[in-house]
């Protein structure tokens, strides 16, 4: 599972929940270190909310053929983990 899927909910629940869930050791100041093992040179695809909303509106306006239709809304450019991860780590508690 990509980190983006569980990182925000884990941050909202706090370090106590994360320590209980993962077995990590909570420090006396109630902080812990979270390590993400990501392949060197890998990237994530972040989709700005306005971009995703526009895509959803355009997709909803299309005629719908019978059956199931799956549409993947992705950004045109992946963001290298070396760029986004330090930015996220700097704002997480």
PDB file of N, CA and C in Angstrom:
ATOM      1  N   UNK A   1       0.847  -1.172   0.000  1.00  0.00           N
ATOM      2  CA  UNK A   1       0.000   0.000   0.000  1.00  0.00           C
ATOM      3  C   UNK A   1       0.893   1.237   0.000  1.00  0.00           C
ATOM      4  N   UNK A   2       0.619   2.194  -0.902  1.00  0.00           N
ATOM      5  CA  UNK A   2       1.459   3.388  -0.941  1.00  0.00           C
ATOM      6  C   UNK A   2       1.347   4.205   0.342  1.00  0.00           C
ATOM      7  N   UNK A   3       2.435   4.884   0.741  1.00  0.00           N
ATOM      8  CA  UNK A   3       2.415   5.662   1.973  1.00  0.00           C
ATOM      9  C   UNK A   3       1.304   6.698   2.013  1.00  0.00           C
ATOM     10  N   UNK A   4       0.984   7.300   0.877  1.00  0.00           N
ATOM     11  CA  UNK A   4      -0.042   8.344   0.871  1.00  0.00           C
ATOM     12  C   UNK A   4      -1.389   7.834   1.344  1.00  0.00           C
ATOM     13  N   UNK A   5      -1.658   6.573   1.171  1.00  0.00           N
ATOM     14  CA  UNK A   5      -2.947   6.003   1.555  1.00  0.00           C
ATOM     15  C   UNK A   5      -3.106   5.953   3.062  1.00  0.00           C
ATOM     16  N   UNK A   6      -2.039   5.687   3.802  1.00  0.00           N
ATOM     17  CA  UNK A   6      -2.174   5.536   5.255  1.00  0.00           C
ATOM     18  C   UNK A   6      -1.460   6.598   6.064  1.00  0.00           C
ATOM     19  N   UNK A   7      -0.645   7.431   5.445  1.00  0.00           N
ATOM     20  CA  UNK A   7       0.129   8.406   6.189  1.00  0.00           C
ATOM     21  C   UNK A   7      -0.756   9.464   6.854  1.00  0.00           C
ATOM     22  N   UNK A   8      -1.695  10.051   6.125  1.00  0.00           N
ATOM     23  CA  UNK A   8      -2.554  11.098   6.696  1.00  0.00           C
ATOM     24  C   UNK A   8      -3.448  10.556   7.814  1.00  0.00           C
ATOM     25  N   UNK A   9      -4.166   9.429   7.612  1.00  0.00           N
ATOM     26  CA  UNK A   9      -4.967   8.902   8.732  1.00  0.00           C
ATOM     27  C   UNK A   9      -4.112   8.551   9.945  1.00  0.00           C
ATOM     28  N   UNK A  10      -2.926   8.024   9.721  1.00  0.00           N
ATOM     29  CA  UNK A  10      -2.043   7.678  10.837  1.00  0.00           C
ATOM     30  C   UNK A  10      -1.620   8.937  11.582  1.00  0.00           C
ATOM     31  N   UNK A  11      -1.322  10.000  10.856  1.00  0.00           N
ATOM     32  CA  UNK A  11      -0.923  11.254  11.499  1.00  0.00           C
ATOM     33  C   UNK A  11      -2.074  11.838  12.311  1.00  0.00           C
ATOM     34  N   UNK A  12      -3.303  11.726  11.808  1.00  0.00           N
ATOM     35  CA  UNK A  12      -4.467  12.245  12.543  1.00  0.00           C
ATOM     36  C   UNK A  12      -4.712  11.471  13.832  1.00  0.00           C
ATOM     37  N   UNK A  13      -4.479  10.177  13.808  1.00  0.00           N
ATOM     38  CA  UNK A  13      -4.716   9.355  14.998  1.00  0.00           C
ATOM     39  C   UNK A  13      -3.649   9.559  16.063  1.00  0.00           C
ATOM     40  N   UNK A  14      -2.478   9.975  15.652  1.00  0.00           N
ATOM     41  CA  UNK A  14      -1.436  10.318  16.603  1.00  0.00           C
ATOM     42  C   UNK A  14      -0.442   9.216  16.867  1.00  0.00           C
ATOM     43  N   UNK A  15       0.640   9.578  17.560  1.00  0.00           N
ATOM     44  CA  UNK A  15       1.739   8.640  17.776  1.00  0.00           C
ATOM     45  C   UNK A  15       1.365   7.468  18.670  1.00  0.00           C
ATOM     46  N   UNK A  16       0.474   7.664  19.644  1.00  0.00           N
ATOM     47  CA  UNK A  16       0.090   6.530  20.515  1.00  0.00           C
ATOM     48  C   UNK A  16      -0.581   5.428  19.697  1.00  0.00           C
ATOM     49  N   UNK A  17      -1.509   5.815  18.824  1.00  0.00           N
ATOM     50  CA  UNK A  17      -2.197   4.840  17.984  1.00  0.00           C
ATOM     51  C   UNK A  17      -1.207   4.140  17.063  1.00  0.00           C
ATOM     52  N   UNK A  18      -0.324   4.917  16.457  1.00  0.00           N
ATOM     53  CA  UNK A  18       0.647   4.345  15.530  1.00  0.00           C
ATOM     54  C   UNK A  18       1.582   3.382  16.240  1.00  0.00           C
ATOM     55  N   UNK A  19       2.014   3.729  17.445  1.00  0.00           N
ATOM     56  CA  UNK A  19       2.900   2.842  18.215  1.00  0.00           C
ATOM     57  C   UNK A  19       2.175   1.554  18.572  1.00  0.00           C
ATOM     58  N   UNK A  20       0.924   1.660  19.020  1.00  0.00           N
ATOM     59  CA  UNK A  20       0.140   0.455  19.352  1.00  0.00           C
ATOM     60  C   UNK A  20      -0.048  -0.431  18.123  1.00  0.00           C
ATOM     61  N   UNK A  21      -0.334   0.186  17.004  1.00  0.00           N
ATOM     62  CA  UNK A  21      -0.628  -0.547  15.773  1.00  0.00           C
ATOM     63  C   UNK A  21       0.597  -1.233  15.188  1.00  0.00           C
ATOM     64  N   UNK A  22       1.740  -0.558  15.253  1.00  0.00           N
ATOM     65  CA  UNK A  22       2.940  -1.085  14.594  1.00  0.00           C
ATOM     66  C   UNK A  22       3.912  -1.768  15.543  1.00  0.00           C
ATOM     67  N   UNK A  23       3.712  -1.578  16.856  1.00  0.00           N
ATOM     68  CA  UNK A  23       4.658  -2.129  17.808  1.00  0.00           C
ATOM     69  C   UNK A  23       5.888  -1.248  17.980  1.00  0.00           C
ATOM     70  N   UNK A  24       5.841  -0.042  17.411  1.00  0.00           N
ATOM     71  CA  UNK A  24       6.967   0.887  17.545  1.00  0.00           C
ATOM     72  C   UNK A  24       7.077   1.355  18.994  1.00  0.00           C
ATOM     73  N   UNK A  25       8.253   1.795  19.371  1.00  0.00           N
ATOM     74  CA  UNK A  25       8.497   2.270  20.732  1.00  0.00           C
ATOM     75  C   UNK A  25       8.237   3.768  20.781  1.00  0.00           C
ATOM     76  N   UNK A  26       7.315   4.159  21.640  1.00  0.00           N
ATOM     77  CA  UNK A  26       6.986   5.563  21.825  1.00  0.00           C
ATOM     78  C   UNK A  26       7.963   6.173  22.824  1.00  0.00           C
ATOM     79  N   UNK A  27       8.587   7.278  22.453  1.00  0.00           N
ATOM     80  CA  UNK A  27       9.529   7.958  23.353  1.00  0.00           C
ATOM     81  C   UNK A  27       8.767   8.644  24.488  1.00  0.00           C
ATOM     82  N   UNK A  28       9.450   8.995  25.562  1.00  0.00           N
ATOM     83  CA  UNK A  28       8.794   9.692  26.674  1.00  0.00           C
ATOM     84  C   UNK A  28       8.099  10.993  26.251  1.00  0.00           C
ATOM     85  N   UNK A  29       8.617  11.653  25.209  1.00  0.00           N
ATOM     86  CA  UNK A  29       7.972  12.893  24.739  1.00  0.00           C
ATOM     87  C   UNK A  29       6.838  12.601  23.746  1.00  0.00           C
ATOM     88  N   UNK A  30       6.437  11.323  23.671  1.00  0.00           N
ATOM     89  CA  UNK A  30       5.349  10.845  22.802  1.00  0.00           C
ATOM     90  C   UNK A  30       5.614  11.074  21.323  1.00  0.00           C
ATOM     91  N   UNK A  31       6.869  10.935  20.929  1.00  0.00           N
ATOM     92  CA  UNK A  31       7.212  10.955  19.512  1.00  0.00           C
ATOM     93  C   UNK A  31       7.777   9.599  19.136  1.00  0.00           C
ATOM     94  N   UNK A  32       7.769   9.315  17.865  1.00  0.00           N
ATOM     95  CA  UNK A  32       8.389   8.097  17.357  1.00  0.00           C
ATOM     96  C   UNK A  32       8.912   8.376  15.970  1.00  0.00           C
ATOM     97  N   UNK A  33       9.775   7.522  15.517  1.00  0.00           N
ATOM     98  CA  UNK A  33      10.338   7.664  14.185  1.00  0.00           C
ATOM     99  C   UNK A  33       9.604   6.726  13.244  1.00  0.00           C
ATOM    100  N   UNK A  34       9.131   7.267  12.163  1.00  0.00           N
ATOM    101  CA  UNK A  34       8.435   6.483  11.146  1.00  0.00           C
ATOM    102  C   UNK A  34       9.343   6.384   9.936  1.00  0.00           C
ATOM    103  N   UNK A  35       9.705   5.181   9.568  1.00  0.00           N
ATOM    104  CA  UNK A  35      10.580   4.983   8.421  1.00  0.00           C
ATOM    105  C   UNK A  35       9.764   4.412   7.261  1.00  0.00           C
ATOM    106  N   UNK A  36       9.945   5.005   6.112  1.00  0.00           N
ATOM    107  CA  UNK A  36       9.293   4.520   4.895  1.00  0.00           C
ATOM    108  C   UNK A  36      10.371   3.907   4.014  1.00  0.00           C
ATOM    109  N   UNK A  37      10.196   2.675   3.675  1.00  0.00           N
ATOM    110  CA  UNK A  37      11.166   2.002   2.816  1.00  0.00           C
ATOM    111  C   UNK A  37      10.676   2.119   1.375  1.00  0.00           C
ATOM    112  N   UNK A  38      11.256   3.061   0.661  1.00  0.00           N
ATOM    113  CA  UNK A  38      10.862   3.339  -0.709  1.00  0.00           C
ATOM    114  C   UNK A  38      12.037   3.065  -1.631  1.00  0.00           C
ATOM    115  N   UNK A  39      11.775   2.448  -2.763  1.00  0.00           N
ATOM    116  CA  UNK A  39      12.884   2.165  -3.683  1.00  0.00           C
ATOM    117  C   UNK A  39      13.592   3.450  -4.119  1.00  0.00           C
ATOM    118  N   UNK A  40      14.905   3.395  -4.206  1.00  0.00           N
ATOM    119  CA  UNK A  40      15.696   4.556  -4.651  1.00  0.00           C
ATOM    120  C   UNK A  40      15.232   4.959  -6.045  1.00  0.00           C
ATOM    121  N   UNK A  41      14.999   6.249  -6.217  1.00  0.00           N
ATOM    122  CA  UNK A  41      14.583   6.758  -7.519  1.00  0.00           C
ATOM    123  C   UNK A  41      13.091   6.639  -7.782  1.00  0.00           C
ATOM    124  N   UNK A  42      12.305   6.144  -6.805  1.00  0.00           N
ATOM    125  CA  UNK A  42      10.867   5.996  -7.030  1.00  0.00           C
ATOM    126  C   UNK A  42      10.151   7.332  -6.845  1.00  0.00           C
ATOM    127  N   UNK A  43       8.888   7.375  -7.231  1.00  0.00           N
ATOM    128  CA  UNK A  43       8.120   8.613  -7.202  1.00  0.00           C
ATOM    129  C   UNK A  43       6.661   8.321  -6.865  1.00  0.00           C
ATOM    130  N   UNK A  44       5.951   9.375  -6.469  1.00  0.00           N
ATOM    131  CA  UNK A  44       4.509   9.291  -6.196  1.00  0.00           C
ATOM    132  C   UNK A  44       3.796  10.195  -7.196  1.00  0.00           C
ATOM    133  N   UNK A  45       2.520   9.914  -7.392  1.00  0.00           N
ATOM    134  CA  UNK A  45       1.729  10.741  -8.284  1.00  0.00           C
ATOM    135  C   UNK A  45       0.732  11.525  -7.442  1.00  0.00           C
ATOM    136  N   UNK A  46       0.973  12.824  -7.274  1.00  0.00           N
ATOM    137  CA  UNK A  46       0.084  13.693  -6.516  1.00  0.00           C
ATOM    138  C   UNK A  46      -0.829  14.421  -7.493  1.00  0.00           C
ATOM    139  N   UNK A  47      -2.109  14.412  -7.195  1.00  0.00           N
ATOM    140  CA  UNK A  47      -3.077  15.059  -8.072  1.00  0.00           C
ATOM    141  C   UNK A  47      -3.671  16.257  -7.335  1.00  0.00           C
ATOM    142  N   UNK A  48      -3.423  17.486  -7.821  1.00  0.00           N
ATOM    143  CA  UNK A  48      -4.031  18.655  -7.187  1.00  0.00           C
ATOM    144  C   UNK A  48      -5.562  18.548  -7.211  1.00  0.00           C
ATOM    145  N   UNK A  49      -6.193  19.011  -6.149  1.00  0.00           N
ATOM    146  CA  UNK A  49      -7.641  18.850  -6.015  1.00  0.00           C
ATOM    147  C   UNK A  49      -8.393  19.517  -7.164  1.00  0.00           C
ATOM    148  N   UNK A  50      -7.943  20.683  -7.625  1.00  0.00           N
ATOM    149  CA  UNK A  50      -8.629  21.355  -8.743  1.00  0.00           C
ATOM    150  C   UNK A  50      -8.539  20.534 -10.024  1.00  0.00           C
ATOM    151  N   UNK A  51      -7.394  19.925 -10.237  1.00  0.00           N
ATOM    152  CA  UNK A  51      -7.175  19.077 -11.407  1.00  0.00           C
ATOM    153  C   UNK A  51      -8.117  17.865 -11.358  1.00  0.00           C
ATOM    154  N   UNK A  52      -8.196  17.233 -10.180  1.00  0.00           N
ATOM    155  CA  UNK A  52      -9.056  16.058 -10.017  1.00  0.00           C
ATOM    156  C   UNK A  52     -10.532  16.433 -10.160  1.00  0.00           C
ATOM    157  N   UNK A  53     -10.937  17.564  -9.592  1.00  0.00           N
ATOM    158  CA  UNK A  53     -12.336  18.003  -9.688  1.00  0.00           C
ATOM    159  C   UNK A  53     -12.703  18.284 -11.138  1.00  0.00           C
ATOM    160  N   UNK A  54     -11.823  18.951 -11.862  1.00  0.00           N
ATOM    161  CA  UNK A  54     -12.083  19.234 -13.274  1.00  0.00           C
ATOM    162  C   UNK A  54     -12.210  17.945 -14.075  1.00  0.00           C
ATOM    163  N   UNK A  55     -11.329  16.992 -13.804  1.00  0.00           N
ATOM    164  CA  UNK A  55     -11.394  15.700 -14.500  1.00  0.00           C
ATOM    165  C   UNK A  55     -12.699  14.977 -14.185  1.00  0.00           C
ATOM    166  N   UNK A  56     -13.136  15.012 -12.925  1.00  0.00           N
ATOM    167  CA  UNK A  56     -14.386  14.353 -12.536  1.00  0.00           C
ATOM    168  C   UNK A  56     -15.580  14.987 -13.237  1.00  0.00           C
ATOM    169  N   UNK A  57     -15.602  16.297 -13.338  1.00  0.00           N
ATOM    170  CA  UNK A  57     -16.712  16.994 -14.019  1.00  0.00           C
ATOM    171  C   UNK A  57     -16.728  16.624 -15.495  1.00  0.00           C
ATOM    172  N   UNK A  58     -15.547  16.636 -16.131  1.00  0.00           N
ATOM    173  CA  UNK A  58     -15.486  16.265 -17.554  1.00  0.00           C
ATOM    174  C   UNK A  58     -15.904  14.811 -17.779  1.00  0.00           C
ATOM    175  N   UNK A  59     -15.491  13.916 -16.891  1.00  0.00           N
ATOM    176  CA  UNK A  59     -15.878  12.503 -17.027  1.00  0.00           C
ATOM    177  C   UNK A  59     -17.379  12.315 -16.818  1.00  0.00           C
ATOM    178  N   UNK A  60     -17.941  13.052 -15.873  1.00  0.00           N
ATOM    179  CA  UNK A  60     -19.374  12.931 -15.597  1.00  0.00           C
ATOM    180  C   UNK A  60     -20.219  13.439 -16.762  1.00  0.00           C
ATOM    181  N   UNK A  61     -19.685  14.348 -17.556  1.00  0.00           N
ATOM    182  CA  UNK A  61     -20.431  14.904 -18.686  1.00  0.00           C
ATOM    183  C   UNK A  61     -20.429  13.994 -19.907  1.00  0.00           C
ATOM    184  N   UNK A  62     -19.576  13.007 -19.921  1.00  0.00           N
ATOM    185  CA  UNK A  62     -19.507  12.087 -21.061  1.00  0.00           C
ATOM    186  C   UNK A  62     -20.706  11.137 -21.062  1.00  0.00           C
ATOM    187  N   UNK A  63     -21.137  10.714 -22.259  1.00  0.00           N
ATOM    188  CA  UNK A  63     -22.177   9.682 -22.301  1.00  0.00           C
ATOM    189  C   UNK A  63     -21.652   8.391 -21.655  1.00  0.00           C
ATOM    190  N   UNK A  64     -22.525   7.705 -20.955  1.00  0.00           N
ATOM    191  CA  UNK A  64     -22.122   6.501 -20.238  1.00  0.00           C
ATOM    192  C   UNK A  64     -22.642   5.263 -20.975  1.00  0.00           C
ATOM    193  N   UNK A  65     -21.724   4.444 -21.491  1.00  0.00           N
ATOM    194  CA  UNK A  65     -22.163   3.194 -22.121  1.00  0.00           C
ATOM    195  C   UNK A  65     -22.582   2.197 -21.039  1.00  0.00           C
ATOM    196  N   UNK A  66     -23.324   1.158 -21.418  1.00  0.00           N
ATOM    197  CA  UNK A  66     -23.699   0.143 -20.429  1.00  0.00           C
ATOM    198  C   UNK A  66     -22.458  -0.539 -19.847  1.00  0.00           C
ATOM    199  N   UNK A  67     -22.586  -1.014 -18.626  1.00  0.00           N
ATOM    200  CA  UNK A  67     -21.487  -1.727 -17.986  1.00  0.00           C
ATOM    201  C   UNK A  67     -20.715  -0.838 -17.033  1.00  0.00           C
ATOM    202  N   UNK A  68     -19.610  -1.379 -16.602  1.00  0.00           N
ATOM    203  CA  UNK A  68     -18.769  -0.680 -15.633  1.00  0.00           C
ATOM    204  C   UNK A  68     -17.670   0.070 -16.364  1.00  0.00           C
ATOM    205  N   UNK A  69     -17.403   1.290 -15.918  1.00  0.00           N
ATOM    206  CA  UNK A  69     -16.332   2.082 -16.516  1.00  0.00           C
ATOM    207  C   UNK A  69     -15.415   2.578 -15.399  1.00  0.00           C
ATOM    208  N   UNK A  70     -14.142   2.352 -15.564  1.00  0.00           N
ATOM    209  CA  UNK A  70     -13.157   2.813 -14.585  1.00  0.00           C
ATOM    210  C   UNK A  70     -12.287   3.875 -15.229  1.00  0.00           C
ATOM    211  N   UNK A  71     -12.142   4.989 -14.546  1.00  0.00           N
ATOM    212  CA  UNK A  71     -11.296   6.073 -15.037  1.00  0.00           C
ATOM    213  C   UNK A  71     -10.250   6.390 -13.977  1.00  0.00           C
ATOM    214  N   UNK A  72      -9.006   6.412 -14.366  1.00  0.00           N
ATOM    215  CA  UNK A  72      -7.919   6.719 -13.449  1.00  0.00           C
ATOM    216  C   UNK A  72      -7.510   8.175 -13.660  1.00  0.00           C
ATOM    217  N   UNK A  73      -7.663   8.967 -12.624  1.00  0.00           N
ATOM    218  CA  UNK A  73      -7.269  10.373 -12.693  1.00  0.00           C
ATOM    219  C   UNK A  73      -5.885  10.487 -12.069  1.00  0.00           C
ATOM    220  N   UNK A  74      -4.918  10.803 -12.907  1.00  0.00           N
ATOM    221  CA  UNK A  74      -3.537  10.941 -12.440  1.00  0.00           C
ATOM    222  C   UNK A  74      -2.964  12.240 -12.987  1.00  0.00           C
ATOM    223  N   UNK A  75      -1.946  12.728 -12.338  1.00  0.00           N
ATOM    224  CA  UNK A  75      -1.244  13.914 -12.823  1.00  0.00           C
ATOM    225  C   UNK A  75      -0.272  13.481 -13.910  1.00  0.00           C
ATOM    226  N   UNK A  76       0.075  14.402 -14.769  1.00  0.00           N
ATOM    227  CA  UNK A  76       0.977  14.071 -15.873  1.00  0.00           C
ATOM    228  C   UNK A  76       2.415  13.849 -15.426  1.00  0.00           C
ATOM    229  N   UNK A  77       2.770  14.375 -14.245  1.00  0.00           N
ATOM    230  CA  UNK A  77       4.154  14.303 -13.784  1.00  0.00           C
ATOM    231  C   UNK A  77       4.207  13.662 -12.396  1.00  0.00           C
ATOM    232  N   UNK A  78       4.993  12.608 -12.250  1.00  0.00           N
ATOM    233  CA  UNK A  78       5.230  12.014 -10.934  1.00  0.00           C
ATOM    234  C   UNK A  78       6.240  12.883 -10.178  1.00  0.00           C
ATOM    235  N   UNK A  79       6.097  12.921  -8.848  1.00  0.00           N
ATOM    236  CA  UNK A  79       7.003  13.710  -8.010  1.00  0.00           C
ATOM    237  C   UNK A  79       7.992  12.747  -7.348  1.00  0.00           C
ATOM    238  N   UNK A  80       9.302  12.941  -7.552  1.00  0.00           N
ATOM    239  CA  UNK A  80      10.289  12.046  -6.935  1.00  0.00           C
ATOM    240  C   UNK A  80      10.155  12.040  -5.410  1.00  0.00           C
ATOM    241  N   UNK A  81      10.293  10.863  -4.806  1.00  0.00           N
ATOM    242  CA  UNK A  81      10.192  10.747  -3.348  1.00  0.00           C
ATOM    243  C   UNK A  81      11.220  11.615  -2.629  1.00  0.00           C
ATOM    244  N   UNK A  82      12.374  11.814  -3.238  1.00  0.00           N
ATOM    245  CA  UNK A  82      13.401  12.662  -2.629  1.00  0.00           C
ATOM    246  C   UNK A  82      12.950  14.113  -2.511  1.00  0.00           C
ATOM    247  N   UNK A  83      11.916  14.501  -3.263  1.00  0.00           N
ATOM    248  CA  UNK A  83      11.423  15.875  -3.214  1.00  0.00           C
ATOM    249  C   UNK A  83      10.255  16.020  -2.238  1.00  0.00           C
ATOM    250  N   UNK A  84       9.238  15.132  -2.339  1.00  0.00           N
ATOM    251  CA  UNK A  84       8.037  15.317  -1.514  1.00  0.00           C
ATOM    252  C   UNK A  84       8.206  14.825  -0.084  1.00  0.00           C
ATOM    253  N   UNK A  85       8.976  13.767   0.120  1.00  0.00           N
ATOM    254  CA  UNK A  85       9.065  13.176   1.451  1.00  0.00           C
ATOM    255  C   UNK A  85       9.661  14.130   2.496  1.00  0.00           C
ATOM    256  N   UNK A  86      10.762  14.830   2.211  1.00  0.00           N
ATOM    257  CA  UNK A  86      11.258  15.788   3.213  1.00  0.00           C
ATOM    258  C   UNK A  86      10.256  16.902   3.509  1.00  0.00           C
ATOM    259  N   UNK A  87       9.497  17.322   2.504  1.00  0.00           N
ATOM    260  CA  UNK A  87       8.494  18.374   2.726  1.00  0.00           C
ATOM    261  C   UNK A  87       7.398  17.884   3.655  1.00  0.00           C
ATOM    262  N   UNK A  88       6.920  16.666   3.458  1.00  0.00           N
ATOM    263  CA  UNK A  88       5.882  16.097   4.325  1.00  0.00           C
ATOM    264  C   UNK A  88       6.440  15.880   5.729  1.00  0.00           C
ATOM    265  N   UNK A  89       7.639  15.356   5.830  1.00  0.00           N
ATOM    266  CA  UNK A  89       8.238  15.097   7.136  1.00  0.00           C
ATOM    267  C   UNK A  89       8.438  16.378   7.934  1.00  0.00           C
ATOM    268  N   UNK A  90       8.632  17.497   7.262  1.00  0.00           N
ATOM    269  CA  UNK A  90       8.874  18.747   7.980  1.00  0.00           C
ATOM    270  C   UNK A  90       7.612  19.312   8.629  1.00  0.00           C
ATOM    271  N   UNK A  91       6.430  18.858   8.205  1.00  0.00           N
ATOM    272  CA  UNK A  91       5.188  19.391   8.783  1.00  0.00           C
ATOM    273  C   UNK A  91       4.439  18.394   9.651  1.00  0.00           C
ATOM    274  N   UNK A  92       4.859  17.137   9.653  1.00  0.00           N
ATOM    275  CA  UNK A  92       4.198  16.164  10.506  1.00  0.00           C
ATOM    276  C   UNK A  92       4.703  16.305  11.940  1.00  0.00           C
ATOM    277  N   UNK A  93       3.804  16.040  12.891  1.00  0.00           N
ATOM    278  CA  UNK A  93       4.232  16.161  14.287  1.00  0.00           C
ATOM    279  C   UNK A  93       5.285  15.133  14.655  1.00  0.00           C
TER     280      UNK A  93
END
